[in-house]
Amino acid sequence: MTAIIALLSQNATHQSIQHGQSYFRDGAVGQLVRRGDELEADVEGAELDPYRV
């Protein structure tokens, strides 16, 4: 997980990363998939349908 956070830190703010970690701890983030230099996951938020980030 540390490698993922290091990768995210290159393109996201500290606050955004903390927000994402909170979603992850709450079980709202599906499996992370790395495609080249991109990470994808389905995220369950307040909407009924998950969304991809």
C-alpha atoms as a PDB file:
ATOM      1  CA  MET A   1       0.000   0.000   0.000  1.00  0.00           C
ATOM      2  CA  THR A   2       2.910   2.360   0.658  1.00  0.00           C
ATOM      3  CA  ALA A   3       3.935   2.186  -3.010  1.00  0.00           C
ATOM      4  CA  ILE A   4       0.412   3.161  -4.053  1.00  0.00           C
ATOM      5  CA  ILE A   5       0.402   6.153  -1.706  1.00  0.00           C
ATOM      6  CA  ALA A   6       3.785   7.239  -3.059  1.00  0.00           C
ATOM      7  CA  LEU A   7       2.394   7.031  -6.603  1.00  0.00           C
ATOM      8  CA  LEU A   8      -0.721   8.976  -5.647  1.00  0.00           C
ATOM      9  CA  SER A   9       1.371  11.644  -3.918  1.00  0.00           C
ATOM     10  CA  GLN A  10       2.852  12.585  -7.270  1.00  0.00           C
ATOM     11  CA  ASN A  11      -0.549  13.763  -8.554  1.00  0.00           C
ATOM     12  CA  ALA A  12      -2.857  14.330  -5.572  1.00  0.00           C
ATOM     13  CA  THR A  13      -2.947  16.589  -2.555  1.00  0.00           C
ATOM     14  CA  HIS A  14      -2.343  15.269   0.930  1.00  0.00           C
ATOM     15  CA  GLN A  15      -5.975  16.071   1.769  1.00  0.00           C
ATOM     16  CA  SER A  16      -7.259  14.077  -1.231  1.00  0.00           C
ATOM     17  CA  ILE A  17      -5.144  11.087  -0.236  1.00  0.00           C
ATOM     18  CA  GLN A  18      -6.448  11.245   3.352  1.00  0.00           C
ATOM     19  CA  HIS A  19     -10.015  11.403   2.047  1.00  0.00           C
ATOM     20  CA  GLY A  20      -9.381   8.351  -0.143  1.00  0.00           C
ATOM     21  CA  GLN A  21      -7.822   6.457   2.767  1.00  0.00           C
ATOM     22  CA  SER A  22     -10.940   7.166   4.821  1.00  0.00           C
ATOM     23  CA  TYR A  23     -13.136   5.731   2.030  1.00  0.00           C
ATOM     24  CA  PHE A  24     -10.814   2.703   1.869  1.00  0.00           C
ATOM     25  CA  ARG A  25     -10.924   2.097   5.654  1.00  0.00           C
ATOM     26  CA  ASP A  26     -14.729   2.341   5.554  1.00  0.00           C
ATOM     27  CA  GLY A  27     -14.837  -0.400   2.907  1.00  0.00           C
ATOM     28  CA  ALA A  28     -16.141   1.907   0.164  1.00  0.00           C
ATOM     29  CA  VAL A  29     -13.297   1.230  -2.301  1.00  0.00           C
ATOM     30  CA  GLY A  30     -13.290  -1.864  -4.462  1.00  0.00           C
ATOM     31  CA  GLN A  31     -10.180  -3.606  -5.720  1.00  0.00           C
ATOM     32  CA  LEU A  32      -7.496  -1.255  -7.019  1.00  0.00           C
ATOM     33  CA  VAL A  33      -6.345  -2.038 -10.545  1.00  0.00           C
ATOM     34  CA  ARG A  34      -3.160  -0.539 -11.958  1.00  0.00           C
ATOM     35  CA  ARG A  35      -3.124   0.030 -15.705  1.00  0.00           C
ATOM     36  CA  GLY A  36       0.226   1.482 -16.659  1.00  0.00           C
ATOM     37  CA  ASP A  37       0.524   4.740 -14.758  1.00  0.00           C
ATOM     38  CA  GLU A  38      -3.167   4.838 -13.751  1.00  0.00           C
ATOM     39  CA  LEU A  39      -5.027   3.338 -10.796  1.00  0.00           C
ATOM     40  CA  GLU A  40      -8.718   2.465 -11.049  1.00  0.00           C
ATOM     41  CA  ALA A  41     -11.274   1.363  -8.479  1.00  0.00           C
ATOM     42  CA  ASP A  42     -15.019   1.339  -8.025  1.00  0.00           C
ATOM     43  CA  VAL A  43     -15.997   3.564  -5.084  1.00  0.00           C
ATOM     44  CA  GLU A  44     -19.272   3.485  -3.201  1.00  0.00           C
ATOM     45  CA  GLY A  45     -20.363   6.948  -2.121  1.00  0.00           C
ATOM     46  CA  ALA A  46     -23.661   8.584  -1.273  1.00  0.00           C
ATOM     47  CA  GLU A  47     -25.086   7.738  -4.723  1.00  0.00           C
ATOM     48  CA  LEU A  48     -26.861   4.428  -5.264  1.00  0.00           C
ATOM     49  CA  ASP A  49     -24.439   3.249  -7.966  1.00  0.00           C
ATOM     50  CA  PRO A  50     -20.672   2.912  -7.461  1.00  0.00           C
ATOM     51  CA  TYR A  51     -18.472   5.205  -9.531  1.00  0.00           C
ATOM     52  CA  ARG A  52     -15.049   4.670 -11.028  1.00  0.00           C
ATOM     53  CA  VAL A  53     -12.069   6.805 -10.041  1.00  0.00           C
END
